[in-house]
Amino acid sequence: MNEVFEMVAEVLEELRSEAGEREYSVCTKEAKNAAKELKKANQEYEKLLAEISGEQRKLFAVCKIISAGDFDLMI
């Protein structure tokens, strides 16, 4: 009986390791719309950055980091 469990464990381990190599994607209508909105917002942000001065650009970058909650990037 232990041999059966060992074989099942080996198969499951193989499947688990292969799963890391696969790309999974579920793309709902809502996800597509959200991706379009995000792309649009990023384009507007990039356009705004191109129009402002260097000091303002630095401030925007810090604000973006803070709003993302990624304080480690500030160090």
N, C-alpha and C. Protein backbone atom coordinates (compact mmCIF):
# COMPACT_ATOMS: atom_id res chain seq x y z
N MET A 1 0.82 -1.20 0.00
CA MET A 1 0.00 0.00 0.00
C MET A 1 0.87 1.27 0.00
N ASN A 2 2.02 1.22 0.68
CA ASN A 2 2.91 2.37 0.69
C ASN A 2 3.42 2.69 -0.71
N GLU A 3 3.62 1.66 -1.52
CA GLU A 3 4.09 1.88 -2.88
C GLU A 3 3.09 2.69 -3.69
N VAL A 4 1.80 2.44 -3.46
CA VAL A 4 0.75 3.18 -4.17
C VAL A 4 0.81 4.65 -3.77
N PHE A 5 0.92 4.90 -2.46
CA PHE A 5 1.00 6.29 -2.00
C PHE A 5 2.24 6.99 -2.52
N GLU A 6 3.35 6.26 -2.58
CA GLU A 6 4.58 6.85 -3.11
C GLU A 6 4.44 7.18 -4.58
N MET A 7 3.81 6.30 -5.35
CA MET A 7 3.60 6.56 -6.78
C MET A 7 2.68 7.76 -6.98
N VAL A 8 1.61 7.83 -6.19
CA VAL A 8 0.68 8.97 -6.30
C VAL A 8 1.41 10.26 -5.92
N ALA A 9 2.22 10.20 -4.87
CA ALA A 9 2.98 11.38 -4.45
C ALA A 9 3.94 11.83 -5.55
N GLU A 10 4.60 10.89 -6.22
CA GLU A 10 5.51 11.22 -7.31
C GLU A 10 4.78 11.87 -8.47
N VAL A 11 3.62 11.32 -8.82
CA VAL A 11 2.83 11.89 -9.92
C VAL A 11 2.38 13.30 -9.57
N LEU A 12 1.89 13.49 -8.35
CA LEU A 12 1.43 14.82 -7.93
C LEU A 12 2.58 15.81 -7.90
N GLU A 13 3.75 15.40 -7.46
CA GLU A 13 4.92 16.27 -7.45
C GLU A 13 5.31 16.66 -8.87
N GLU A 14 5.25 15.72 -9.78
CA GLU A 14 5.58 16.01 -11.17
C GLU A 14 4.59 17.01 -11.77
N LEU A 15 3.32 16.82 -11.49
CA LEU A 15 2.30 17.75 -11.98
C LEU A 15 2.51 19.13 -11.38
N ARG A 16 2.84 19.18 -10.10
CA ARG A 16 3.03 20.46 -9.43
C ARG A 16 4.22 21.20 -10.02
N SER A 17 5.31 20.51 -10.29
CA SER A 17 6.49 21.17 -10.84
C SER A 17 6.25 21.61 -12.28
N GLU A 18 5.46 20.87 -13.03
CA GLU A 18 5.14 21.26 -14.41
C GLU A 18 4.22 22.47 -14.43
N ALA A 19 3.41 22.62 -13.40
CA ALA A 19 2.46 23.73 -13.37
C ALA A 19 3.16 25.08 -13.35
N GLY A 20 4.36 25.13 -12.81
CA GLY A 20 5.11 26.38 -12.77
C GLY A 20 5.55 26.83 -14.15
N GLU A 21 5.64 25.91 -15.08
CA GLU A 21 6.08 26.23 -16.43
C GLU A 21 4.93 26.68 -17.32
N ARG A 22 3.71 26.39 -16.90
CA ARG A 22 2.55 26.71 -17.73
C ARG A 22 2.09 28.14 -17.50
N GLU A 23 1.49 28.70 -18.51
CA GLU A 23 0.88 30.02 -18.38
C GLU A 23 -0.63 29.83 -18.33
N TYR A 24 -1.22 30.36 -17.27
CA TYR A 24 -2.66 30.27 -17.11
C TYR A 24 -3.25 31.64 -17.32
N SER A 25 -4.39 31.67 -17.95
CA SER A 25 -5.02 32.95 -18.21
C SER A 25 -6.53 32.79 -18.27
N VAL A 26 -7.20 33.58 -17.48
CA VAL A 26 -8.65 33.67 -17.55
C VAL A 26 -8.95 35.12 -17.84
N CYS A 27 -9.56 35.37 -18.95
CA CYS A 27 -9.79 36.74 -19.37
C CYS A 27 -11.29 36.98 -19.53
N THR A 28 -11.87 37.52 -18.47
CA THR A 28 -13.29 37.83 -18.52
C THR A 28 -13.51 39.16 -19.20
N LYS A 29 -14.74 39.47 -19.51
CA LYS A 29 -15.08 40.75 -20.12
C LYS A 29 -14.67 41.90 -19.20
N GLU A 30 -14.89 41.71 -17.89
CA GLU A 30 -14.52 42.74 -16.92
C GLU A 30 -13.01 42.96 -16.89
N ALA A 31 -12.25 41.85 -16.99
CA ALA A 31 -10.79 41.95 -16.98
C ALA A 31 -10.30 42.67 -18.23
N LYS A 32 -10.90 42.39 -19.37
CA LYS A 32 -10.52 43.08 -20.61
C LYS A 32 -10.80 44.57 -20.50
N ASN A 33 -11.98 44.92 -19.96
CA ASN A 33 -12.32 46.33 -19.80
C ASN A 33 -11.38 47.02 -18.83
N ALA A 34 -11.04 46.34 -17.74
CA ALA A 34 -10.12 46.91 -16.76
C ALA A 34 -8.74 47.12 -17.38
N ALA A 35 -8.29 46.17 -18.19
CA ALA A 35 -6.99 46.30 -18.85
C ALA A 35 -6.98 47.49 -19.81
N LYS A 36 -8.08 47.69 -20.52
CA LYS A 36 -8.18 48.84 -21.43
C LYS A 36 -8.14 50.15 -20.65
N GLU A 37 -8.88 50.20 -19.54
CA GLU A 37 -8.89 51.41 -18.71
C GLU A 37 -7.51 51.69 -18.12
N LEU A 38 -6.83 50.64 -17.68
CA LEU A 38 -5.49 50.81 -17.13
C LEU A 38 -4.52 51.31 -18.20
N LYS A 39 -4.62 50.74 -19.39
CA LYS A 39 -3.75 51.18 -20.49
C LYS A 39 -4.01 52.65 -20.81
N LYS A 40 -5.27 53.03 -20.83
CA LYS A 40 -5.63 54.42 -21.11
C LYS A 40 -5.09 55.35 -20.01
N ALA A 41 -5.24 54.95 -18.75
CA ALA A 41 -4.75 55.76 -17.64
C ALA A 41 -3.23 55.88 -17.69
N ASN A 42 -2.54 54.80 -18.03
CA ASN A 42 -1.08 54.84 -18.13
C ASN A 42 -0.62 55.75 -19.27
N GLN A 43 -1.35 55.74 -20.38
CA GLN A 43 -1.01 56.62 -21.50
C GLN A 43 -1.19 58.08 -21.10
N GLU A 44 -2.28 58.37 -20.39
CA GLU A 44 -2.51 59.73 -19.93
C GLU A 44 -1.43 60.16 -18.95
N TYR A 45 -1.02 59.24 -18.07
CA TYR A 45 0.03 59.52 -17.10
C TYR A 45 1.34 59.81 -17.81
N GLU A 46 1.69 59.01 -18.80
CA GLU A 46 2.93 59.21 -19.54
C GLU A 46 2.90 60.54 -20.29
N LYS A 47 1.74 60.89 -20.85
CA LYS A 47 1.59 62.17 -21.55
C LYS A 47 1.79 63.32 -20.58
N LEU A 48 1.21 63.20 -19.39
CA LEU A 48 1.37 64.24 -18.38
C LEU A 48 2.82 64.36 -17.96
N LEU A 49 3.50 63.25 -17.76
CA LEU A 49 4.91 63.29 -17.37
C LEU A 49 5.76 63.99 -18.43
N ALA A 50 5.41 63.81 -19.68
CA ALA A 50 6.18 64.44 -20.76
C ALA A 50 6.00 65.95 -20.75
N GLU A 51 4.88 66.42 -20.22
CA GLU A 51 4.57 67.85 -20.24
C GLU A 51 5.08 68.61 -19.02
N ILE A 52 5.48 67.93 -17.95
CA ILE A 52 5.85 68.63 -16.72
C ILE A 52 7.36 68.70 -16.56
N SER A 53 7.80 69.54 -15.62
CA SER A 53 9.23 69.73 -15.40
C SER A 53 9.85 68.54 -14.66
N GLY A 54 11.16 68.55 -14.59
CA GLY A 54 11.89 67.47 -13.93
C GLY A 54 11.56 67.34 -12.46
N GLU A 55 11.46 68.45 -11.74
CA GLU A 55 11.13 68.40 -10.32
C GLU A 55 9.72 67.85 -10.10
N GLN A 56 8.79 68.29 -10.92
CA GLN A 56 7.43 67.78 -10.81
C GLN A 56 7.39 66.29 -11.14
N ARG A 57 8.21 65.86 -12.10
CA ARG A 57 8.26 64.46 -12.49
C ARG A 57 8.75 63.59 -11.33
N LYS A 58 9.76 64.08 -10.60
CA LYS A 58 10.26 63.36 -9.44
C LYS A 58 9.17 63.23 -8.38
N LEU A 59 8.43 64.31 -8.16
CA LEU A 59 7.35 64.29 -7.18
C LEU A 59 6.27 63.29 -7.58
N PHE A 60 5.92 63.27 -8.87
CA PHE A 60 4.93 62.30 -9.35
C PHE A 60 5.41 60.87 -9.13
N ALA A 61 6.69 60.62 -9.36
CA ALA A 61 7.24 59.27 -9.19
C ALA A 61 7.13 58.85 -7.73
N VAL A 62 7.44 59.76 -6.80
CA VAL A 62 7.34 59.45 -5.38
C VAL A 62 5.88 59.20 -5.00
N CYS A 63 4.98 60.02 -5.50
CA CYS A 63 3.55 59.85 -5.21
C CYS A 63 3.05 58.51 -5.74
N LYS A 64 3.51 58.12 -6.91
CA LYS A 64 3.10 56.84 -7.49
C LYS A 64 3.58 55.68 -6.63
N ILE A 65 4.81 55.77 -6.12
CA ILE A 65 5.34 54.73 -5.25
C ILE A 65 4.53 54.66 -3.97
N ILE A 66 4.23 55.82 -3.40
CA ILE A 66 3.47 55.86 -2.15
C ILE A 66 2.07 55.29 -2.37
N SER A 67 1.42 55.66 -3.46
CA SER A 67 0.07 55.17 -3.70
C SER A 67 0.05 53.67 -3.95
N ALA A 68 1.16 53.13 -4.47
CA ALA A 68 1.25 51.69 -4.70
C ALA A 68 1.62 50.96 -3.41
N GLY A 69 2.05 51.71 -2.39
CA GLY A 69 2.43 51.09 -1.13
C GLY A 69 3.77 50.40 -1.20
N ASP A 70 4.59 50.77 -2.17
CA ASP A 70 5.88 50.13 -2.36
C ASP A 70 6.99 51.03 -1.82
N PHE A 71 7.00 51.21 -0.52
CA PHE A 71 7.93 52.14 0.11
C PHE A 71 9.39 51.72 -0.02
N ASP A 72 9.65 50.44 -0.25
CA ASP A 72 11.01 49.96 -0.39
C ASP A 72 11.69 50.59 -1.61
N LEU A 73 10.91 50.98 -2.61
CA LEU A 73 11.49 51.58 -3.81
C LEU A 73 12.03 52.99 -3.55
N MET A 74 11.58 53.60 -2.47
CA MET A 74 12.00 54.97 -2.17
C MET A 74 13.41 55.02 -1.59
N ILE A 75 13.89 53.91 -1.07
CA ILE A 75 15.20 53.89 -0.40
C ILE A 75 16.31 53.79 -1.42
